[in-house]
Amino acid sequence: MARYFFDLINGDGPVSDNEGQEISTREDISREVSRILADIAREEFPERGKGSISIQVRDEFGQSVFSGHLSFQTQWHDDPEL
């Protein structure tokens, strides 16, 4: 198993993963990125009403191997700016 690092980029700026996780398949990397994005969205987006988050995955050599991005926005339909 190889170690991968999941760096977060959100409205608060970048946060580097210094611990990483041992993961054996590409599918597991994709699944973990989706899980992280969903967890963060559940915590952050209801309070803000909009935003975006990204995850950059690095291998143990520091090479970027995968990324995921999620954007979210809400708006009332009676908003005069529509």
PDB file of N, CA and C in Angstrom:
ATOM      1  N   MET A   1       0.841  -1.190   0.000  1.00  0.00           N
ATOM      2  CA  MET A   1       0.000   0.000   0.000  1.00  0.00           C
ATOM      3  C   MET A   1       0.876   1.239   0.000  1.00  0.00           C
ATOM      4  N   ALA A   2       0.420   2.229  -0.721  1.00  0.00           N
ATOM      5  CA  ALA A   2       1.138   3.499  -0.792  1.00  0.00           C
ATOM      6  C   ALA A   2       0.444   4.534   0.094  1.00  0.00           C
ATOM      7  N   ARG A   3       1.188   5.537   0.502  1.00  0.00           N
ATOM      8  CA  ARG A   3       0.640   6.615   1.332  1.00  0.00           C
ATOM      9  C   ARG A   3       0.287   7.792   0.434  1.00  0.00           C
ATOM     10  N   TYR A   4      -0.933   8.338   0.641  1.00  0.00           N
ATOM     11  CA  TYR A   4      -1.423   9.490  -0.101  1.00  0.00           C
ATOM     12  C   TYR A   4      -1.823  10.587   0.873  1.00  0.00           C
ATOM     13  N   PHE A   5      -1.676  11.828   0.417  1.00  0.00           N
ATOM     14  CA  PHE A   5      -1.943  13.002   1.238  1.00  0.00           C
ATOM     15  C   PHE A   5      -3.063  13.806   0.593  1.00  0.00           C
ATOM     16  N   PHE A   6      -4.052  14.198   1.388  1.00  0.00           N
ATOM     17  CA  PHE A   6      -5.265  14.849   0.907  1.00  0.00           C
ATOM     18  C   PHE A   6      -5.267  16.306   1.372  1.00  0.00           C
ATOM     19  N   ASP A   7      -4.788  17.194   0.522  1.00  0.00           N
ATOM     20  CA  ASP A   7      -4.704  18.617   0.849  1.00  0.00           C
ATOM     21  C   ASP A   7      -6.032  19.308   0.535  1.00  0.00           C
ATOM     22  N   LEU A   8      -6.487  20.134   1.449  1.00  0.00           N
ATOM     23  CA  LEU A   8      -7.763  20.830   1.336  1.00  0.00           C
ATOM     24  C   LEU A   8      -7.553  22.283   0.937  1.00  0.00           C
ATOM     25  N   ILE A   9      -8.394  22.750   0.027  1.00  0.00           N
ATOM     26  CA  ILE A   9      -8.423  24.172  -0.332  1.00  0.00           C
ATOM     27  C   ILE A   9      -9.875  24.610  -0.228  1.00  0.00           C
ATOM     28  N   ASN A  10     -10.143  25.547   0.706  1.00  0.00           N
ATOM     29  CA  ASN A  10     -11.507  26.054   0.863  1.00  0.00           C
ATOM     30  C   ASN A  10     -11.454  27.559   1.076  1.00  0.00           C
ATOM     31  N   GLY A  11     -12.541  28.145   1.525  1.00  0.00           N
ATOM     32  CA  GLY A  11     -12.600  29.587   1.740  1.00  0.00           C
ATOM     33  C   GLY A  11     -11.623  30.101   2.779  1.00  0.00           C
ATOM     34  N   ASP A  12     -11.127  29.224   3.608  1.00  0.00           N
ATOM     35  CA  ASP A  12     -10.163  29.605   4.628  1.00  0.00           C
ATOM     36  C   ASP A  12      -8.719  29.492   4.143  1.00  0.00           C
ATOM     37  N   GLY A  13      -8.534  29.023   2.913  1.00  0.00           N
ATOM     38  CA  GLY A  13      -7.195  28.850   2.354  1.00  0.00           C
ATOM     39  C   GLY A  13      -6.766  27.399   2.342  1.00  0.00           C
ATOM     40  N   PRO A  14      -5.530  27.149   1.919  1.00  0.00           N
ATOM     41  CA  PRO A  14      -5.054  25.765   1.827  1.00  0.00           C
ATOM     42  C   PRO A  14      -4.687  25.174   3.179  1.00  0.00           C
ATOM     43  N   VAL A  15      -4.965  23.880   3.324  1.00  0.00           N
ATOM     44  CA  VAL A  15      -4.592  23.127   4.523  1.00  0.00           C
ATOM     45  C   VAL A  15      -3.909  21.844   4.046  1.00  0.00           C
ATOM     46  N   SER A  16      -2.626  21.713   4.359  1.00  0.00           N
ATOM     47  CA  SER A  16      -1.869  20.537   3.932  1.00  0.00           C
ATOM     48  C   SER A  16      -2.092  19.369   4.880  1.00  0.00           C
ATOM     49  N   ASP A  17      -2.211  18.204   4.295  1.00  0.00           N
ATOM     50  CA  ASP A  17      -2.310  16.951   5.042  1.00  0.00           C
ATOM     51  C   ASP A  17      -0.883  16.461   5.282  1.00  0.00           C
ATOM     52  N   ASN A  18      -0.450  16.452   6.510  1.00  0.00           N
ATOM     53  CA  ASN A  18       0.913  16.023   6.831  1.00  0.00           C
ATOM     54  C   ASN A  18       1.006  14.570   7.276  1.00  0.00           C
ATOM     55  N   GLU A  19      -0.149  13.926   7.499  1.00  0.00           N
ATOM     56  CA  GLU A  19      -0.160  12.535   7.951  1.00  0.00           C
ATOM     57  C   GLU A  19      -0.359  11.558   6.809  1.00  0.00           C
ATOM     58  N   GLY A  20      -1.333  11.834   5.951  1.00  0.00           N
ATOM     59  CA  GLY A  20      -1.646  10.936   4.849  1.00  0.00           C
ATOM     60  C   GLY A  20      -2.354   9.680   5.297  1.00  0.00           C
ATOM     61  N   GLN A  21      -2.671   8.860   4.311  1.00  0.00           N
ATOM     62  CA  GLN A  21      -3.355   7.588   4.564  1.00  0.00           C
ATOM     63  C   GLN A  21      -2.776   6.543   3.631  1.00  0.00           C
ATOM     64  N   GLU A  22      -2.711   5.325   4.100  1.00  0.00           N
ATOM     65  CA  GLU A  22      -2.304   4.225   3.237  1.00  0.00           C
ATOM     66  C   GLU A  22      -3.521   3.745   2.478  1.00  0.00           C
ATOM     67  N   ILE A  23      -3.422   3.764   1.154  1.00  0.00           N
ATOM     68  CA  ILE A  23      -4.541   3.389   0.286  1.00  0.00           C
ATOM     69  C   ILE A  23      -3.998   2.491  -0.821  1.00  0.00           C
ATOM     70  N   SER A  24      -4.777   1.480  -1.193  1.00  0.00           N
ATOM     71  CA  SER A  24      -4.263   0.484  -2.131  1.00  0.00           C
ATOM     72  C   SER A  24      -4.779   0.617  -3.560  1.00  0.00           C
ATOM     73  N   THR A  25      -5.938   1.257  -3.779  1.00  0.00           N
ATOM     74  CA  THR A  25      -6.462   1.317  -5.141  1.00  0.00           C
ATOM     75  C   THR A  25      -6.860   2.734  -5.536  1.00  0.00           C
ATOM     76  N   ARG A  26      -6.902   2.973  -6.833  1.00  0.00           N
ATOM     77  CA  ARG A  26      -7.344   4.263  -7.365  1.00  0.00           C
ATOM     78  C   ARG A  26      -8.786   4.544  -6.963  1.00  0.00           C
ATOM     79  N   GLU A  27      -9.606   3.502  -6.961  1.00  0.00           N
ATOM     80  CA  GLU A  27     -11.009   3.662  -6.590  1.00  0.00           C
ATOM     81  C   GLU A  27     -11.144   4.115  -5.138  1.00  0.00           C
ATOM     82  N   ASP A  28     -10.280   3.607  -4.276  1.00  0.00           N
ATOM     83  CA  ASP A  28     -10.314   4.015  -2.868  1.00  0.00           C
ATOM     84  C   ASP A  28      -9.909   5.481  -2.701  1.00  0.00           C
ATOM     85  N   ILE A  29      -8.977   5.955  -3.535  1.00  0.00           N
ATOM     86  CA  ILE A  29      -8.596   7.375  -3.505  1.00  0.00           C
ATOM     87  C   ILE A  29      -9.793   8.222  -3.905  1.00  0.00           C
ATOM     88  N   SER A  30     -10.447   7.864  -4.991  1.00  0.00           N
ATOM     89  CA  SER A  30     -11.621   8.607  -5.470  1.00  0.00           C
ATOM     90  C   SER A  30     -12.732   8.599  -4.425  1.00  0.00           C
ATOM     91  N   ARG A  31     -12.960   7.465  -3.812  1.00  0.00           N
ATOM     92  CA  ARG A  31     -13.998   7.335  -2.782  1.00  0.00           C
ATOM     93  C   ARG A  31     -13.676   8.215  -1.576  1.00  0.00           C
ATOM     94  N   GLU A  32     -12.401   8.264  -1.177  1.00  0.00           N
ATOM     95  CA  GLU A  32     -12.002   9.069  -0.029  1.00  0.00           C
ATOM     96  C   GLU A  32     -12.145  10.559  -0.328  1.00  0.00           C
ATOM     97  N   VAL A  33     -11.802  10.980  -1.534  1.00  0.00           N
ATOM     98  CA  VAL A  33     -11.981  12.387  -1.915  1.00  0.00           C
ATOM     99  C   VAL A  33     -13.462  12.750  -1.870  1.00  0.00           C
ATOM    100  N   SER A  34     -14.323  11.898  -2.396  1.00  0.00           N
ATOM    101  CA  SER A  34     -15.762  12.157  -2.365  1.00  0.00           C
ATOM    102  C   SER A  34     -16.279  12.238  -0.936  1.00  0.00           C
ATOM    103  N   ARG A  35     -15.805  11.363  -0.076  1.00  0.00           N
ATOM    104  CA  ARG A  35     -16.227  11.369   1.326  1.00  0.00           C
ATOM    105  C   ARG A  35     -15.799  12.661   2.015  1.00  0.00           C
ATOM    106  N   ILE A  36     -14.555  13.076   1.800  1.00  0.00           N
ATOM    107  CA  ILE A  36     -14.048  14.300   2.419  1.00  0.00           C
ATOM    108  C   ILE A  36     -14.848  15.508   1.945  1.00  0.00           C
ATOM    109  N   LEU A  37     -15.077  15.610   0.629  1.00  0.00           N
ATOM    110  CA  LEU A  37     -15.837  16.734   0.085  1.00  0.00           C
ATOM    111  C   LEU A  37     -17.243  16.788   0.673  1.00  0.00           C
ATOM    112  N   ALA A  38     -17.904  15.648   0.756  1.00  0.00           N
ATOM    113  CA  ALA A  38     -19.263  15.603   1.304  1.00  0.00           C
ATOM    114  C   ALA A  38     -19.280  15.994   2.783  1.00  0.00           C
ATOM    115  N   ASP A  39     -18.320  15.502   3.556  1.00  0.00           N
ATOM    116  CA  ASP A  39     -18.261  15.832   4.980  1.00  0.00           C
ATOM    117  C   ASP A  39     -18.042  17.326   5.200  1.00  0.00           C
ATOM    118  N   ILE A  40     -17.121  17.900   4.449  1.00  0.00           N
ATOM    119  CA  ILE A  40     -16.837  19.329   4.611  1.00  0.00           C
ATOM    120  C   ILE A  40     -18.023  20.162   4.146  1.00  0.00           C
ATOM    121  N   ALA A  41     -18.643  19.774   3.049  1.00  0.00           N
ATOM    122  CA  ALA A  41     -19.818  20.498   2.551  1.00  0.00           C
ATOM    123  C   ALA A  41     -20.938  20.482   3.588  1.00  0.00           C
ATOM    124  N   ARG A  42     -21.139  19.363   4.216  1.00  0.00           N
ATOM    125  CA  ARG A  42     -22.193  19.230   5.228  1.00  0.00           C
ATOM    126  C   ARG A  42     -21.928  20.174   6.402  1.00  0.00           C
ATOM    127  N   GLU A  43     -20.658  20.376   6.748  1.00  0.00           N
ATOM    128  CA  GLU A  43     -20.303  21.243   7.876  1.00  0.00           C
ATOM    129  C   GLU A  43     -20.286  22.724   7.496  1.00  0.00           C
ATOM    130  N   GLU A  44     -19.730  23.063   6.341  1.00  0.00           N
ATOM    131  CA  GLU A  44     -19.476  24.459   6.004  1.00  0.00           C
ATOM    132  C   GLU A  44     -20.580  25.138   5.205  1.00  0.00           C
ATOM    133  N   PHE A  45     -21.170  24.477   4.247  1.00  0.00           N
ATOM    134  CA  PHE A  45     -22.071  25.143   3.313  1.00  0.00           C
ATOM    135  C   PHE A  45     -23.377  25.632   3.927  1.00  0.00           C
ATOM    136  N   PRO A  46     -24.004  24.909   4.863  1.00  0.00           N
ATOM    137  CA  PRO A  46     -25.252  25.437   5.419  1.00  0.00           C
ATOM    138  C   PRO A  46     -25.082  26.805   6.086  1.00  0.00           C
ATOM    139  N   GLU A  47     -23.938  27.049   6.680  1.00  0.00           N
ATOM    140  CA  GLU A  47     -23.703  28.330   7.343  1.00  0.00           C
ATOM    141  C   GLU A  47     -23.399  29.440   6.349  1.00  0.00           C
ATOM    142  N   ARG A  48     -22.720  29.119   5.281  1.00  0.00           N
ATOM    143  CA  ARG A  48     -22.272  30.132   4.327  1.00  0.00           C
ATOM    144  C   ARG A  48     -23.242  30.355   3.177  1.00  0.00           C
ATOM    145  N   GLY A  49     -23.996  29.344   2.794  1.00  0.00           N
ATOM    146  CA  GLY A  49     -24.924  29.479   1.670  1.00  0.00           C
ATOM    147  C   GLY A  49     -24.281  29.335   0.307  1.00  0.00           C
ATOM    148  N   LYS A  50     -22.966  29.437   0.256  1.00  0.00           N
ATOM    149  CA  LYS A  50     -22.256  29.199  -0.995  1.00  0.00           C
ATOM    150  C   LYS A  50     -20.784  28.981  -0.693  1.00  0.00           C
ATOM    151  N   GLY A  51     -20.102  28.406  -1.644  1.00  0.00           N
ATOM    152  CA  GLY A  51     -18.675  28.194  -1.474  1.00  0.00           C
ATOM    153  C   GLY A  51     -18.151  27.125  -2.398  1.00  0.00           C
ATOM    154  N   SER A  52     -16.881  26.886  -2.297  1.00  0.00           N
ATOM    155  CA  SER A  52     -16.266  25.807  -3.056  1.00  0.00           C
ATOM    156  C   SER A  52     -15.135  25.212  -2.225  1.00  0.00           C
ATOM    157  N   ILE A  53     -14.934  23.933  -2.439  1.00  0.00           N
ATOM    158  CA  ILE A  53     -13.863  23.220  -1.762  1.00  0.00           C
ATOM    159  C   ILE A  53     -13.184  22.310  -2.772  1.00  0.00           C
ATOM    160  N   SER A  54     -11.907  22.150  -2.609  1.00  0.00           N
ATOM    161  CA  SER A  54     -11.126  21.272  -3.474  1.00  0.00           C
ATOM    162  C   SER A  54     -10.225  20.401  -2.622  1.00  0.00           C
ATOM    163  N   ILE A  55      -9.958  19.218  -3.136  1.00  0.00           N
ATOM    164  CA  ILE A  55      -9.000  18.308  -2.523  1.00  0.00           C
ATOM    165  C   ILE A  55      -7.967  17.964  -3.593  1.00  0.00           C
ATOM    166  N   GLN A  56      -6.709  18.148  -3.248  1.00  0.00           N
ATOM    167  CA  GLN A  56      -5.594  17.744  -4.108  1.00  0.00           C
ATOM    168  C   GLN A  56      -4.926  16.564  -3.427  1.00  0.00           C
ATOM    169  N   VAL A  57      -4.773  15.469  -4.148  1.00  0.00           N
ATOM    170  CA  VAL A  57      -4.150  14.276  -3.588  1.00  0.00           C
ATOM    171  C   VAL A  57      -2.715  14.176  -4.103  1.00  0.00           C
ATOM    172  N   ARG A  58      -1.783  14.012  -3.154  1.00  0.00           N
ATOM    173  CA  ARG A  58      -0.370  13.834  -3.487  1.00  0.00           C
ATOM    174  C   ARG A  58       0.058  12.423  -3.092  1.00  0.00           C
ATOM    175  N   ASP A  59       0.980  11.875  -3.885  1.00  0.00           N
ATOM    176  CA  ASP A  59       1.556  10.591  -3.498  1.00  0.00           C
ATOM    177  C   ASP A  59       2.716  10.825  -2.526  1.00  0.00           C
ATOM    178  N   GLU A  60       3.364   9.763  -2.127  1.00  0.00           N
ATOM    179  CA  GLU A  60       4.441   9.866  -1.132  1.00  0.00           C
ATOM    180  C   GLU A  60       5.670  10.607  -1.655  1.00  0.00           C
ATOM    181  N   PHE A  61       5.718  10.858  -2.972  1.00  0.00           N
ATOM    182  CA  PHE A  61       6.823  11.611  -3.577  1.00  0.00           C
ATOM    183  C   PHE A  61       6.464  13.079  -3.806  1.00  0.00           C
ATOM    184  N   GLY A  62       5.244  13.457  -3.387  1.00  0.00           N
ATOM    185  CA  GLY A  62       4.802  14.844  -3.528  1.00  0.00           C
ATOM    186  C   GLY A  62       4.164  15.163  -4.866  1.00  0.00           C
ATOM    187  N   GLN A  63       3.984  14.158  -5.715  1.00  0.00           N
ATOM    188  CA  GLN A  63       3.374  14.364  -7.023  1.00  0.00           C
ATOM    189  C   GLN A  63       1.851  14.367  -6.909  1.00  0.00           C
ATOM    190  N   SER A  64       1.216  15.341  -7.553  1.00  0.00           N
ATOM    191  CA  SER A  64      -0.245  15.396  -7.570  1.00  0.00           C
ATOM    192  C   SER A  64      -0.769  14.257  -8.444  1.00  0.00           C
ATOM    193  N   VAL A  65      -1.696  13.463  -7.878  1.00  0.00           N
ATOM    194  CA  VAL A  65      -2.194  12.297  -8.608  1.00  0.00           C
ATOM    195  C   VAL A  65      -3.703  12.334  -8.857  1.00  0.00           C
ATOM    196  N   PHE A  66      -4.428  13.160  -8.107  1.00  0.00           N
ATOM    197  CA  PHE A  66      -5.894  13.169  -8.242  1.00  0.00           C
ATOM    198  C   PHE A  66      -6.417  14.435  -7.587  1.00  0.00           C
ATOM    199  N   SER A  67      -7.550  14.924  -8.059  1.00  0.00           N
ATOM    200  CA  SER A  67      -8.174  16.084  -7.422  1.00  0.00           C
ATOM    201  C   SER A  67      -9.685  15.977  -7.526  1.00  0.00           C
ATOM    202  N   GLY A  68     -10.342  16.656  -6.617  1.00  0.00           N
ATOM    203  CA  GLY A  68     -11.795  16.743  -6.631  1.00  0.00           C
ATOM    204  C   GLY A  68     -12.209  18.147  -6.248  1.00  0.00           C
ATOM    205  N   HIS A  69     -13.331  18.600  -6.792  1.00  0.00           N
ATOM    206  CA  HIS A  69     -13.792  19.960  -6.541  1.00  0.00           C
ATOM    207  C   HIS A  69     -15.306  19.951  -6.390  1.00  0.00           C
ATOM    208  N   LEU A  70     -15.796  20.727  -5.451  1.00  0.00           N
ATOM    209  CA  LEU A  70     -17.237  20.835  -5.228  1.00  0.00           C
ATOM    210  C   LEU A  70     -17.589  22.298  -5.037  1.00  0.00           C
ATOM    211  N   SER A  71     -18.586  22.780  -5.797  1.00  0.00           N
ATOM    212  CA  SER A  71     -19.101  24.147  -5.652  1.00  0.00           C
ATOM    213  C   SER A  71     -20.549  24.078  -5.223  1.00  0.00           C
ATOM    214  N   PHE A  72     -20.953  25.089  -4.455  1.00  0.00           N
ATOM    215  CA  PHE A  72     -22.302  25.096  -3.919  1.00  0.00           C
ATOM    216  C   PHE A  72     -22.776  26.533  -3.808  1.00  0.00           C
ATOM    217  N   GLN A  73     -24.030  26.766  -4.195  1.00  0.00           N
ATOM    218  CA  GLN A  73     -24.600  28.104  -4.027  1.00  0.00           C
ATOM    219  C   GLN A  73     -26.104  27.981  -3.853  1.00  0.00           C
ATOM    220  N   THR A  74     -26.639  28.760  -2.924  1.00  0.00           N
ATOM    221  CA  THR A  74     -28.085  28.835  -2.751  1.00  0.00           C
ATOM    222  C   THR A  74     -28.529  30.272  -2.972  1.00  0.00           C
ATOM    223  N   GLN A  75     -29.786  30.421  -3.359  1.00  0.00           N
ATOM    224  CA  GLN A  75     -30.319  31.766  -3.568  1.00  0.00           C
ATOM    225  C   GLN A  75     -31.840  31.701  -3.479  1.00  0.00           C
ATOM    226  N   TRP A  76     -32.400  32.672  -2.779  1.00  0.00           N
ATOM    227  CA  TRP A  76     -33.849  32.774  -2.693  1.00  0.00           C
ATOM    228  C   TRP A  76     -34.395  33.215  -4.044  1.00  0.00           C
ATOM    229  N   HIS A  77     -35.534  32.671  -4.468  1.00  0.00           N
ATOM    230  CA  HIS A  77     -36.132  32.986  -5.770  1.00  0.00           C
ATOM    231  C   HIS A  77     -36.728  34.382  -5.813  1.00  0.00           C
ATOM    232  N   ASP A  78     -37.047  34.952  -4.677  1.00  0.00           N
ATOM    233  CA  ASP A  78     -37.599  36.304  -4.678  1.00  0.00           C
ATOM    234  C   ASP A  78     -36.508  37.365  -4.517  1.00  0.00           C
ATOM    235  N   ASP A  79     -35.266  36.993  -4.704  1.00  0.00           N
ATOM    236  CA  ASP A  79     -34.139  37.918  -4.629  1.00  0.00           C
ATOM    237  C   ASP A  79     -34.195  38.878  -5.818  1.00  0.00           C
ATOM    238  N   PRO A  80     -34.201  40.187  -5.599  1.00  0.00           N
ATOM    239  CA  PRO A  80     -34.296  41.146  -6.699  1.00  0.00           C
ATOM    240  C   PRO A  80     -33.089  41.113  -7.647  1.00  0.00           C
ATOM    241  N   GLU A  81     -32.006  40.477  -7.247  1.00  0.00           N
ATOM    242  CA  GLU A  81     -30.844  40.407  -8.109  1.00  0.00           C
ATOM    243  C   GLU A  81     -30.947  39.286  -9.144  1.00  0.00           C
ATOM    244  N   LEU A  82     -32.013  38.504  -9.112  1.00  0.00           N
ATOM    245  CA  LEU A  82     -32.184  37.422 -10.082  1.00  0.00           C
ATOM    246  C   LEU A  82     -32.408  37.937 -11.482  1.00  0.00           C
TER     247      LEU A  82
END
